[in-house]
């Protein structure tokens, strides 16, 4: 399916919600350096998952808009039968 990430098992919403929680924990502080680094790395991966979903959605919207534009172009063609 076009626009749906193939390499991830998380939905956009799941990744976004988990990323929000990671940010909250990092901002709260009180973590060891190792814990902070692990959370940062997890956050980077989650951000990449979100970006992949958003890029796919953007591609789907562009394709739909192009198809709509192509349909309008055909309608204005005097040689078109309908």
C-alpha atoms as a PDB file:
ATOM      1  CA  UNK A   1       0.000   0.000   0.000  1.00  0.00           C
ATOM      2  CA  UNK A   2       1.391   3.385  -0.969  1.00  0.00           C
ATOM      3  CA  UNK A   3       2.192   5.709   1.885  1.00  0.00           C
ATOM      4  CA  UNK A   4       2.185   3.153   4.679  1.00  0.00           C
ATOM      5  CA  UNK A   5       5.568   2.432   6.235  1.00  0.00           C
ATOM      6  CA  UNK A   6       6.619  -1.160   5.717  1.00  0.00           C
ATOM      7  CA  UNK A   7       9.373  -1.378   8.311  1.00  0.00           C
ATOM      8  CA  UNK A   8       7.400  -0.388  11.385  1.00  0.00           C
ATOM      9  CA  UNK A   9       4.832  -2.168  13.460  1.00  0.00           C
ATOM     10  CA  UNK A  10       3.643   0.973  15.227  1.00  0.00           C
ATOM     11  CA  UNK A  11       0.931   3.247  13.973  1.00  0.00           C
ATOM     12  CA  UNK A  12       1.649   6.933  13.708  1.00  0.00           C
ATOM     13  CA  UNK A  13      -0.478   7.600  16.774  1.00  0.00           C
ATOM     14  CA  UNK A  14       1.301   4.953  18.866  1.00  0.00           C
ATOM     15  CA  UNK A  15       4.731   6.288  17.924  1.00  0.00           C
ATOM     16  CA  UNK A  16       3.656   9.890  18.539  1.00  0.00           C
ATOM     17  CA  UNK A  17       2.208   9.063  21.957  1.00  0.00           C
ATOM     18  CA  UNK A  18       5.297   7.119  22.994  1.00  0.00           C
ATOM     19  CA  UNK A  19       7.518   9.942  21.749  1.00  0.00           C
ATOM     20  CA  UNK A  20       5.513  12.410  23.841  1.00  0.00           C
ATOM     21  CA  UNK A  21       6.098  10.235  26.902  1.00  0.00           C
ATOM     22  CA  UNK A  22       9.826   9.988  26.172  1.00  0.00           C
ATOM     23  CA  UNK A  23      10.055  13.783  25.936  1.00  0.00           C
ATOM     24  CA  UNK A  24       8.110  14.173  29.180  1.00  0.00           C
ATOM     25  CA  UNK A  25      10.509  11.839  31.001  1.00  0.00           C
ATOM     26  CA  UNK A  26      13.567  13.593  29.612  1.00  0.00           C
ATOM     27  CA  UNK A  27      12.222  17.014  30.540  1.00  0.00           C
ATOM     28  CA  UNK A  28      11.338  15.851  34.058  1.00  0.00           C
ATOM     29  CA  UNK A  29      14.985  14.978  34.680  1.00  0.00           C
ATOM     30  CA  UNK A  30      16.239  12.839  37.524  1.00  0.00           C
ATOM     31  CA  UNK A  31      17.546  10.162  35.177  1.00  0.00           C
ATOM     32  CA  UNK A  32      21.005   8.729  34.996  1.00  0.00           C
ATOM     33  CA  UNK A  33      23.104   9.566  31.980  1.00  0.00           C
ATOM     34  CA  UNK A  34      22.629   6.037  30.653  1.00  0.00           C
ATOM     35  CA  UNK A  35      18.838   6.240  31.086  1.00  0.00           C
ATOM     36  CA  UNK A  36      18.766   9.628  29.391  1.00  0.00           C
ATOM     37  CA  UNK A  37      20.812   8.377  26.445  1.00  0.00           C
ATOM     38  CA  UNK A  38      18.614   5.309  26.055  1.00  0.00           C
ATOM     39  CA  UNK A  39      15.493   7.475  26.063  1.00  0.00           C
ATOM     40  CA  UNK A  40      17.054   9.924  23.608  1.00  0.00           C
ATOM     41  CA  UNK A  41      17.888   7.082  21.225  1.00  0.00           C
ATOM     42  CA  UNK A  42      14.366   5.683  21.546  1.00  0.00           C
ATOM     43  CA  UNK A  43      12.980   9.150  20.868  1.00  0.00           C
ATOM     44  CA  UNK A  44      15.072   9.462  17.705  1.00  0.00           C
ATOM     45  CA  UNK A  45      13.700   6.142  16.443  1.00  0.00           C
ATOM     46  CA  UNK A  46      10.141   7.149  17.268  1.00  0.00           C
ATOM     47  CA  UNK A  47      10.594  10.493  15.516  1.00  0.00           C
ATOM     48  CA  UNK A  48      11.813   8.618  12.427  1.00  0.00           C
ATOM     49  CA  UNK A  49       8.725   6.381  12.524  1.00  0.00           C
ATOM     50  CA  UNK A  50       6.480   9.448  12.730  1.00  0.00           C
ATOM     51  CA  UNK A  51       8.336  11.122   9.872  1.00  0.00           C
ATOM     52  CA  UNK A  52       7.992   7.993   7.744  1.00  0.00           C
ATOM     53  CA  UNK A  53       4.233   7.963   8.319  1.00  0.00           C
ATOM     54  CA  UNK A  54       3.967  11.678   7.552  1.00  0.00           C
ATOM     55  CA  UNK A  55       5.990  11.323   4.344  1.00  0.00           C
ATOM     56  CA  UNK A  56       3.689   8.500   3.277  1.00  0.00           C
ATOM     57  CA  UNK A  57       0.610  10.574   4.031  1.00  0.00           C
ATOM     58  CA  UNK A  58       2.094  13.503   2.111  1.00  0.00           C
ATOM     59  CA  UNK A  59       2.728  11.241  -0.894  1.00  0.00           C
ATOM     60  CA  UNK A  60      -0.831   9.913  -0.788  1.00  0.00           C
ATOM     61  CA  UNK A  61      -2.256  13.440  -0.641  1.00  0.00           C
ATOM     62  CA  UNK A  62      -0.079  14.563  -3.528  1.00  0.00           C
ATOM     63  CA  UNK A  63      -1.161  11.558  -5.596  1.00  0.00           C
ATOM     64  CA  UNK A  64      -4.834  12.232  -4.836  1.00  0.00           C
ATOM     65  CA  UNK A  65      -4.487  15.907  -5.697  1.00  0.00           C
ATOM     66  CA  UNK A  66      -2.680  15.059  -8.947  1.00  0.00           C
ATOM     67  CA  UNK A  67      -5.391  12.556  -9.861  1.00  0.00           C
ATOM     68  CA  UNK A  68      -8.071  15.163  -9.162  1.00  0.00           C
ATOM     69  CA  UNK A  69      -6.242  17.737 -11.265  1.00  0.00           C
ATOM     70  CA  UNK A  70      -5.859  15.217 -14.091  1.00  0.00           C
ATOM     71  CA  UNK A  71      -9.595  14.508 -13.912  1.00  0.00           C
ATOM     72  CA  UNK A  72     -10.421  18.207 -14.195  1.00  0.00           C
ATOM     73  CA  UNK A  73      -8.074  18.575 -17.145  1.00  0.00           C
ATOM     74  CA  UNK A  74      -9.884  15.749 -18.926  1.00  0.00           C
ATOM     75  CA  UNK A  75     -13.262  17.391 -18.259  1.00  0.00           C
ATOM     76  CA  UNK A  76     -12.188  20.601 -19.939  1.00  0.00           C
ATOM     77  CA  UNK A  77     -10.910  18.768 -23.022  1.00  0.00           C
ATOM     78  CA  UNK A  78     -13.363  19.457 -25.902  1.00  0.00           C
ATOM     79  CA  UNK A  79     -12.452  16.083 -27.437  1.00  0.00           C
ATOM     80  CA  UNK A  80     -13.569  14.213 -24.286  1.00  0.00           C
ATOM     81  CA  UNK A  81     -16.805  12.261 -24.958  1.00  0.00           C
ATOM     82  CA  UNK A  82     -18.472  13.306 -21.679  1.00  0.00           C
END
